[in-house]
């Protein structure tokens, strides 16, 4: 914050791992949230794909969502 003289600091929290309590205690505010969403993993290609279709052999992985947090350095 001092070195780059930023106005704010933004981060995302993966809700599978945390609810952001430590960041909130440090003064971050929750400014956005993405609810449950799916990722598709192609078993044959061993990679995530953007679209699920009949041509890929995919498993669906559901994520708990994301929190967007913002620490306002300058109001």
PDB file of N, CA and C in Angstrom:
ATOM      1  N   UNK A   1       0.842  -1.191   0.000  1.00  0.00           N
ATOM      2  CA  UNK A   1       0.000   0.000   0.000  1.00  0.00           C
ATOM      3  C   UNK A   1       0.879   1.243   0.000  1.00  0.00           C
ATOM      4  N   UNK A   2       1.923   1.248   0.817  1.00  0.00           N
ATOM      5  CA  UNK A   2       2.811   2.407   0.873  1.00  0.00           C
ATOM      6  C   UNK A   2       3.650   2.505  -0.399  1.00  0.00           C
ATOM      7  N   UNK A   3       4.212   1.391  -0.843  1.00  0.00           N
ATOM      8  CA  UNK A   3       5.105   1.407  -1.999  1.00  0.00           C
ATOM      9  C   UNK A   3       4.397   1.849  -3.272  1.00  0.00           C
ATOM     10  N   UNK A   4       3.186   1.356  -3.529  1.00  0.00           N
ATOM     11  CA  UNK A   4       2.495   1.655  -4.785  1.00  0.00           C
ATOM     12  C   UNK A   4       1.420   2.731  -4.642  1.00  0.00           C
ATOM     13  N   UNK A   5       1.150   3.187  -3.446  1.00  0.00           N
ATOM     14  CA  UNK A   5       0.171   4.239  -3.171  1.00  0.00           C
ATOM     15  C   UNK A   5      -1.182   3.970  -3.837  1.00  0.00           C
ATOM     16  N   UNK A   6      -1.717   2.783  -3.556  1.00  0.00           N
ATOM     17  CA  UNK A   6      -2.987   2.376  -4.147  1.00  0.00           C
ATOM     18  C   UNK A   6      -4.169   2.984  -3.398  1.00  0.00           C
ATOM     19  N   UNK A   7      -5.295   3.082  -4.084  1.00  0.00           N
ATOM     20  CA  UNK A   7      -6.528   3.563  -3.462  1.00  0.00           C
ATOM     21  C   UNK A   7      -7.279   2.439  -2.755  1.00  0.00           C
ATOM     22  N   UNK A   8      -7.133   1.211  -3.279  1.00  0.00           N
ATOM     23  CA  UNK A   8      -7.795   0.075  -2.662  1.00  0.00           C
ATOM     24  C   UNK A   8      -7.079  -1.220  -3.047  1.00  0.00           C
ATOM     25  N   UNK A   9      -7.416  -2.296  -2.312  1.00  0.00           N
ATOM     26  CA  UNK A   9      -6.875  -3.633  -2.560  1.00  0.00           C
ATOM     27  C   UNK A   9      -8.066  -4.570  -2.700  1.00  0.00           C
ATOM     28  N   UNK A  10      -8.082  -5.388  -3.767  1.00  0.00           N
ATOM     29  CA  UNK A  10      -9.193  -6.292  -4.027  1.00  0.00           C
ATOM     30  C   UNK A  10      -8.677  -7.724  -4.046  1.00  0.00           C
ATOM     31  N   UNK A  11      -9.488  -8.657  -3.535  1.00  0.00           N
ATOM     32  CA  UNK A  11      -9.146 -10.081  -3.586  1.00  0.00           C
ATOM     33  C   UNK A  11     -10.424 -10.897  -3.707  1.00  0.00           C
ATOM     34  N   UNK A  12     -10.255 -12.138  -4.124  1.00  0.00           N
ATOM     35  CA  UNK A  12     -11.363 -13.084  -4.175  1.00  0.00           C
ATOM     36  C   UNK A  12     -11.114 -14.193  -3.159  1.00  0.00           C
ATOM     37  N   UNK A  13     -12.177 -14.687  -2.560  1.00  0.00           N
ATOM     38  CA  UNK A  13     -12.123 -15.800  -1.628  1.00  0.00           C
ATOM     39  C   UNK A  13     -12.902 -16.965  -2.242  1.00  0.00           C
ATOM     40  N   UNK A  14     -12.277 -18.121  -2.315  1.00  0.00           N
ATOM     41  CA  UNK A  14     -12.942 -19.338  -2.767  1.00  0.00           C
ATOM     42  C   UNK A  14     -13.736 -19.894  -1.586  1.00  0.00           C
ATOM     43  N   UNK A  15     -15.057 -19.908  -1.707  1.00  0.00           N
ATOM     44  CA  UNK A  15     -15.918 -20.317  -0.599  1.00  0.00           C
ATOM     45  C   UNK A  15     -15.821 -21.809  -0.269  1.00  0.00           C
ATOM     46  N   UNK A  16     -15.140 -22.593  -1.114  1.00  0.00           N
ATOM     47  CA  UNK A  16     -14.863 -23.987  -0.754  1.00  0.00           C
ATOM     48  C   UNK A  16     -13.868 -24.048   0.393  1.00  0.00           C
ATOM     49  N   UNK A  17     -13.068 -23.010   0.547  1.00  0.00           N
ATOM     50  CA  UNK A  17     -11.984 -23.020   1.529  1.00  0.00           C
ATOM     51  C   UNK A  17     -12.187 -22.053   2.691  1.00  0.00           C
ATOM     52  N   UNK A  18     -12.961 -20.971   2.489  1.00  0.00           N
ATOM     53  CA  UNK A  18     -13.063 -19.952   3.534  1.00  0.00           C
ATOM     54  C   UNK A  18     -14.296 -19.090   3.311  1.00  0.00           C
ATOM     55  N   UNK A  19     -14.727 -18.447   4.355  1.00  0.00           N
ATOM     56  CA  UNK A  19     -15.796 -17.440   4.264  1.00  0.00           C
ATOM     57  C   UNK A  19     -15.214 -16.029   4.381  1.00  0.00           C
ATOM     58  N   UNK A  20     -13.891 -15.917   4.408  1.00  0.00           N
ATOM     59  CA  UNK A  20     -13.239 -14.618   4.395  1.00  0.00           C
ATOM     60  C   UNK A  20     -13.120 -13.923   5.730  1.00  0.00           C
ATOM     61  N   UNK A  21     -13.355 -14.625   6.834  1.00  0.00           N
ATOM     62  CA  UNK A  21     -13.348 -14.013   8.158  1.00  0.00           C
ATOM     63  C   UNK A  21     -12.074 -13.269   8.499  1.00  0.00           C
ATOM     64  N   UNK A  22     -10.926 -13.825   8.130  1.00  0.00           N
ATOM     65  CA  UNK A  22      -9.650 -13.164   8.433  1.00  0.00           C
ATOM     66  C   UNK A  22      -9.519 -11.849   7.681  1.00  0.00           C
ATOM     67  N   UNK A  23      -9.949 -11.837   6.417  1.00  0.00           N
ATOM     68  CA  UNK A  23      -9.887 -10.608   5.631  1.00  0.00           C
ATOM     69  C   UNK A  23     -10.838  -9.554   6.182  1.00  0.00           C
ATOM     70  N   UNK A  24     -12.021  -9.987   6.599  1.00  0.00           N
ATOM     71  CA  UNK A  24     -13.009  -9.050   7.146  1.00  0.00           C
ATOM     72  C   UNK A  24     -12.484  -8.435   8.442  1.00  0.00           C
ATOM     73  N   UNK A  25     -11.809  -9.239   9.275  1.00  0.00           N
ATOM     74  CA  UNK A  25     -11.204  -8.704  10.500  1.00  0.00           C
ATOM     75  C   UNK A  25     -10.126  -7.671  10.199  1.00  0.00           C
ATOM     76  N   UNK A  26      -9.466  -7.813   9.051  1.00  0.00           N
ATOM     77  CA  UNK A  26      -8.432  -6.854   8.649  1.00  0.00           C
ATOM     78  C   UNK A  26      -9.002  -5.570   8.048  1.00  0.00           C
ATOM     79  N   UNK A  27     -10.321  -5.535   7.829  1.00  0.00           N
ATOM     80  CA  UNK A  27     -10.948  -4.326   7.309  1.00  0.00           C
ATOM     81  C   UNK A  27     -11.473  -4.425   5.890  1.00  0.00           C
ATOM     82  N   UNK A  28     -11.413  -5.609   5.284  1.00  0.00           N
ATOM     83  CA  UNK A  28     -11.978  -5.796   3.948  1.00  0.00           C
ATOM     84  C   UNK A  28     -13.496  -5.851   4.036  1.00  0.00           C
ATOM     85  N   UNK A  29     -14.177  -5.348   3.008  1.00  0.00           N
ATOM     86  CA  UNK A  29     -15.632  -5.416   2.896  1.00  0.00           C
ATOM     87  C   UNK A  29     -16.002  -6.363   1.766  1.00  0.00           C
ATOM     88  N   UNK A  30     -17.077  -7.141   1.967  1.00  0.00           N
ATOM     89  CA  UNK A  30     -17.594  -7.988   0.895  1.00  0.00           C
ATOM     90  C   UNK A  30     -18.352  -7.073  -0.067  1.00  0.00           C
ATOM     91  N   UNK A  31     -17.914  -7.025  -1.330  1.00  0.00           N
ATOM     92  CA  UNK A  31     -18.547  -6.146  -2.314  1.00  0.00           C
ATOM     93  C   UNK A  31     -19.196  -6.918  -3.455  1.00  0.00           C
ATOM     94  N   UNK A  32     -19.059  -8.242  -3.451  1.00  0.00           N
ATOM     95  CA  UNK A  32     -19.673  -9.052  -4.487  1.00  0.00           C
ATOM     96  C   UNK A  32     -19.630 -10.517  -4.115  1.00  0.00           C
ATOM     97  N   UNK A  33     -20.497 -11.288  -4.754  1.00  0.00           N
ATOM     98  CA  UNK A  33     -20.542 -12.713  -4.472  1.00  0.00           C
ATOM     99  C   UNK A  33     -21.013 -13.457  -5.710  1.00  0.00           C
ATOM    100  N   UNK A  34     -20.356 -14.558  -5.992  1.00  0.00           N
ATOM    101  CA  UNK A  34     -20.795 -15.461  -7.051  1.00  0.00           C
ATOM    102  C   UNK A  34     -21.228 -16.746  -6.364  1.00  0.00           C
ATOM    103  N   UNK A  35     -22.467 -17.159  -6.613  1.00  0.00           N
ATOM    104  CA  UNK A  35     -23.005 -18.349  -5.960  1.00  0.00           C
ATOM    105  C   UNK A  35     -22.478 -19.620  -6.611  1.00  0.00           C
ATOM    106  N   UNK A  36     -23.006 -20.736  -6.210  1.00  0.00           N
ATOM    107  CA  UNK A  36     -22.572 -22.045  -6.701  1.00  0.00           C
ATOM    108  C   UNK A  36     -22.493 -22.035  -8.230  1.00  0.00           C
ATOM    109  N   UNK A  37     -21.395 -22.608  -8.762  1.00  0.00           N
ATOM    110  CA  UNK A  37     -21.242 -22.725 -10.211  1.00  0.00           C
ATOM    111  C   UNK A  37     -20.499 -24.018 -10.529  1.00  0.00           C
ATOM    112  N   UNK A  38     -20.583 -24.444 -11.790  1.00  0.00           N
ATOM    113  CA  UNK A  38     -20.012 -25.721 -12.200  1.00  0.00           C
ATOM    114  C   UNK A  38     -18.756 -25.530 -13.041  1.00  0.00           C
ATOM    115  N   UNK A  39     -17.829 -26.458 -12.868  1.00  0.00           N
ATOM    116  CA  UNK A  39     -16.663 -26.620 -13.743  1.00  0.00           C
ATOM    117  C   UNK A  39     -16.819 -27.981 -14.400  1.00  0.00           C
ATOM    118  N   UNK A  40     -16.324 -28.101 -15.622  1.00  0.00           N
ATOM    119  CA  UNK A  40     -16.400 -29.376 -16.330  1.00  0.00           C
ATOM    120  C   UNK A  40     -14.988 -29.885 -16.598  1.00  0.00           C
ATOM    121  N   UNK A  41     -14.710 -31.103 -16.150  1.00  0.00           N
ATOM    122  CA  UNK A  41     -13.385 -31.704 -16.317  1.00  0.00           C
ATOM    123  C   UNK A  41     -13.482 -32.834 -17.313  1.00  0.00           C
ATOM    124  N   UNK A  42     -12.759 -32.709 -18.441  1.00  0.00           N
ATOM    125  CA  UNK A  42     -12.722 -33.731 -19.476  1.00  0.00           C
ATOM    126  C   UNK A  42     -11.754 -34.822 -19.028  1.00  0.00           C
ATOM    127  N   UNK A  43     -12.293 -36.005 -18.749  1.00  0.00           N
ATOM    128  CA  UNK A  43     -11.501 -37.110 -18.217  1.00  0.00           C
ATOM    129  C   UNK A  43     -10.477 -37.593 -19.246  1.00  0.00           C
ATOM    130  N   UNK A  44     -10.832 -37.637 -20.516  1.00  0.00           N
ATOM    131  CA  UNK A  44      -9.914 -38.114 -21.556  1.00  0.00           C
ATOM    132  C   UNK A  44      -8.760 -37.144 -21.783  1.00  0.00           C
ATOM    133  N   UNK A  45      -9.064 -35.862 -21.840  1.00  0.00           N
ATOM    134  CA  UNK A  45      -8.034 -34.849 -22.099  1.00  0.00           C
ATOM    135  C   UNK A  45      -7.295 -34.423 -20.838  1.00  0.00           C
ATOM    136  N   UNK A  46      -7.839 -34.808 -19.677  1.00  0.00           N
ATOM    137  CA  UNK A  46      -7.257 -34.434 -18.380  1.00  0.00           C
ATOM    138  C   UNK A  46      -7.124 -32.916 -18.233  1.00  0.00           C
ATOM    139  N   UNK A  47      -8.194 -32.198 -18.588  1.00  0.00           N
ATOM    140  CA  UNK A  47      -8.198 -30.743 -18.459  1.00  0.00           C
ATOM    141  C   UNK A  47      -9.621 -30.235 -18.290  1.00  0.00           C
ATOM    142  N   UNK A  48      -9.730 -29.031 -17.751  1.00  0.00           N
ATOM    143  CA  UNK A  48     -11.031 -28.385 -17.630  1.00  0.00           C
ATOM    144  C   UNK A  48     -11.441 -27.820 -18.977  1.00  0.00           C
ATOM    145  N   UNK A  49     -12.723 -27.890 -19.277  1.00  0.00           N
ATOM    146  CA  UNK A  49     -13.265 -27.342 -20.520  1.00  0.00           C
ATOM    147  C   UNK A  49     -14.355 -26.345 -20.176  1.00  0.00           C
ATOM    148  N   UNK A  50     -14.605 -25.416 -21.094  1.00  0.00           N
ATOM    149  CA  UNK A  50     -15.595 -24.366 -20.856  1.00  0.00           C
ATOM    150  C   UNK A  50     -17.029 -24.836 -21.062  1.00  0.00           C
ATOM    151  N   UNK A  51     -17.213 -25.784 -21.996  1.00  0.00           N
ATOM    152  CA  UNK A  51     -18.566 -26.178 -22.383  1.00  0.00           C
ATOM    153  C   UNK A  51     -18.730 -27.681 -22.227  1.00  0.00           C
ATOM    154  N   UNK A  52     -19.856 -28.064 -21.697  1.00  0.00           N
ATOM    155  CA  UNK A  52     -20.204 -29.468 -21.570  1.00  0.00           C
ATOM    156  C   UNK A  52     -21.041 -29.846 -22.781  1.00  0.00           C
ATOM    157  N   UNK A  53     -20.569 -30.808 -23.577  1.00  0.00           N
ATOM    158  CA  UNK A  53     -21.367 -31.274 -24.711  1.00  0.00           C
ATOM    159  C   UNK A  53     -21.249 -32.789 -24.827  1.00  0.00           C
ATOM    160  N   UNK A  54     -21.991 -33.367 -25.771  1.00  0.00           N
ATOM    161  CA  UNK A  54     -22.048 -34.829 -25.885  1.00  0.00           C
ATOM    162  C   UNK A  54     -20.735 -35.434 -26.364  1.00  0.00           C
ATOM    163  N   UNK A  55     -19.815 -34.624 -26.909  1.00  0.00           N
ATOM    164  CA  UNK A  55     -18.558 -35.142 -27.433  1.00  0.00           C
ATOM    165  C   UNK A  55     -17.466 -35.272 -26.380  1.00  0.00           C
ATOM    166  N   UNK A  56     -17.644 -34.660 -25.226  1.00  0.00           N
ATOM    167  CA  UNK A  56     -16.587 -34.820 -24.223  1.00  0.00           C
ATOM    168  C   UNK A  56     -17.045 -35.713 -23.077  1.00  0.00           C
ATOM    169  N   UNK A  57     -16.066 -36.417 -22.547  1.00  0.00           N
ATOM    170  CA  UNK A  57     -16.296 -37.340 -21.437  1.00  0.00           C
ATOM    171  C   UNK A  57     -15.971 -36.581 -20.152  1.00  0.00           C
ATOM    172  N   UNK A  58     -16.950 -35.828 -19.655  1.00  0.00           N
ATOM    173  CA  UNK A  58     -16.694 -34.897 -18.557  1.00  0.00           C
ATOM    174  C   UNK A  58     -17.375 -35.308 -17.264  1.00  0.00           C
ATOM    175  N   UNK A  59     -16.743 -34.872 -16.184  1.00  0.00           N
ATOM    176  CA  UNK A  59     -17.406 -34.912 -14.889  1.00  0.00           C
ATOM    177  C   UNK A  59     -17.661 -33.464 -14.482  1.00  0.00           C
ATOM    178  N   UNK A  60     -18.733 -33.261 -13.781  1.00  0.00           N
ATOM    179  CA  UNK A  60     -19.096 -31.918 -13.338  1.00  0.00           C
ATOM    180  C   UNK A  60     -18.655 -31.739 -11.891  1.00  0.00           C
ATOM    181  N   UNK A  61     -17.956 -30.628 -11.649  1.00  0.00           N
ATOM    182  CA  UNK A  61     -17.493 -30.298 -10.309  1.00  0.00           C
ATOM    183  C   UNK A  61     -18.159 -28.990  -9.909  1.00  0.00           C
ATOM    184  N   UNK A  62     -18.894 -29.027  -8.818  1.00  0.00           N
ATOM    185  CA  UNK A  62     -19.583 -27.828  -8.352  1.00  0.00           C
ATOM    186  C   UNK A  62     -18.738 -27.100  -7.313  1.00  0.00           C
ATOM    187  N   UNK A  63     -18.545 -25.815  -7.526  1.00  0.00           N
ATOM    188  CA  UNK A  63     -17.826 -24.957  -6.591  1.00  0.00           C
ATOM    189  C   UNK A  63     -18.843 -24.233  -5.715  1.00  0.00           C
ATOM    190  N   UNK A  64     -18.467 -23.948  -4.479  1.00  0.00           N
ATOM    191  CA  UNK A  64     -19.376 -23.286  -3.535  1.00  0.00           C
ATOM    192  C   UNK A  64     -19.592 -21.813  -3.832  1.00  0.00           C
ATOM    193  N   UNK A  65     -18.725 -21.233  -4.636  1.00  0.00           N
ATOM    194  CA  UNK A  65     -18.876 -19.829  -5.002  1.00  0.00           C
ATOM    195  C   UNK A  65     -17.652 -19.017  -4.626  1.00  0.00           C
ATOM    196  N   UNK A  66     -17.732 -17.734  -4.886  1.00  0.00           N
ATOM    197  CA  UNK A  66     -16.640 -16.805  -4.623  1.00  0.00           C
ATOM    198  C   UNK A  66     -17.156 -15.571  -3.896  1.00  0.00           C
ATOM    199  N   UNK A  67     -16.303 -14.992  -3.068  1.00  0.00           N
ATOM    200  CA  UNK A  67     -16.573 -13.682  -2.473  1.00  0.00           C
ATOM    201  C   UNK A  67     -15.563 -12.698  -3.039  1.00  0.00           C
ATOM    202  N   UNK A  68     -16.020 -11.521  -3.386  1.00  0.00           N
ATOM    203  CA  UNK A  68     -15.121 -10.444  -3.807  1.00  0.00           C
ATOM    204  C   UNK A  68     -15.018  -9.472  -2.636  1.00  0.00           C
ATOM    205  N   UNK A  69     -13.777  -9.239  -2.171  1.00  0.00           N
ATOM    206  CA  UNK A  69     -13.551  -8.353  -1.030  1.00  0.00           C
ATOM    207  C   UNK A  69     -12.715  -7.168  -1.440  1.00  0.00           C
ATOM    208  N   UNK A  70     -12.969  -6.039  -0.806  1.00  0.00           N
ATOM    209  CA  UNK A  70     -12.285  -4.794  -1.116  1.00  0.00           C
ATOM    210  C   UNK A  70     -11.845  -4.105   0.169  1.00  0.00           C
ATOM    211  N   UNK A  71     -10.575  -3.719   0.205  1.00  0.00           N
ATOM    212  CA  UNK A  71     -10.057  -2.914   1.306  1.00  0.00           C
ATOM    213  C   UNK A  71      -9.828  -1.519   0.747  1.00  0.00           C
ATOM    214  N   UNK A  72     -10.600  -0.555   1.267  1.00  0.00           N
ATOM    215  CA  UNK A  72     -10.503   0.827   0.781  1.00  0.00           C
ATOM    216  C   UNK A  72      -9.432   1.569   1.569  1.00  0.00           C
ATOM    217  N   UNK A  73      -8.350   1.905   0.883  1.00  0.00           N
ATOM    218  CA  UNK A  73      -7.256   2.642   1.504  1.00  0.00           C
ATOM    219  C   UNK A  73      -7.640   4.108   1.593  1.00  0.00           C
ATOM    220  N   UNK A  74      -8.193   4.636   0.504  1.00  0.00           N
ATOM    221  CA  UNK A  74      -8.622   6.051   0.457  1.00  0.00           C
ATOM    222  C   UNK A  74     -10.108   6.083   0.166  1.00  0.00           C
ATOM    223  N   UNK A  75     -10.829   6.844   0.912  1.00  0.00           N
ATOM    224  CA  UNK A  75     -12.278   6.982   0.701  1.00  0.00           C
ATOM    225  C   UNK A  75     -12.588   7.975  -0.380  1.00  0.00           C
TER     226      UNK A  75
END
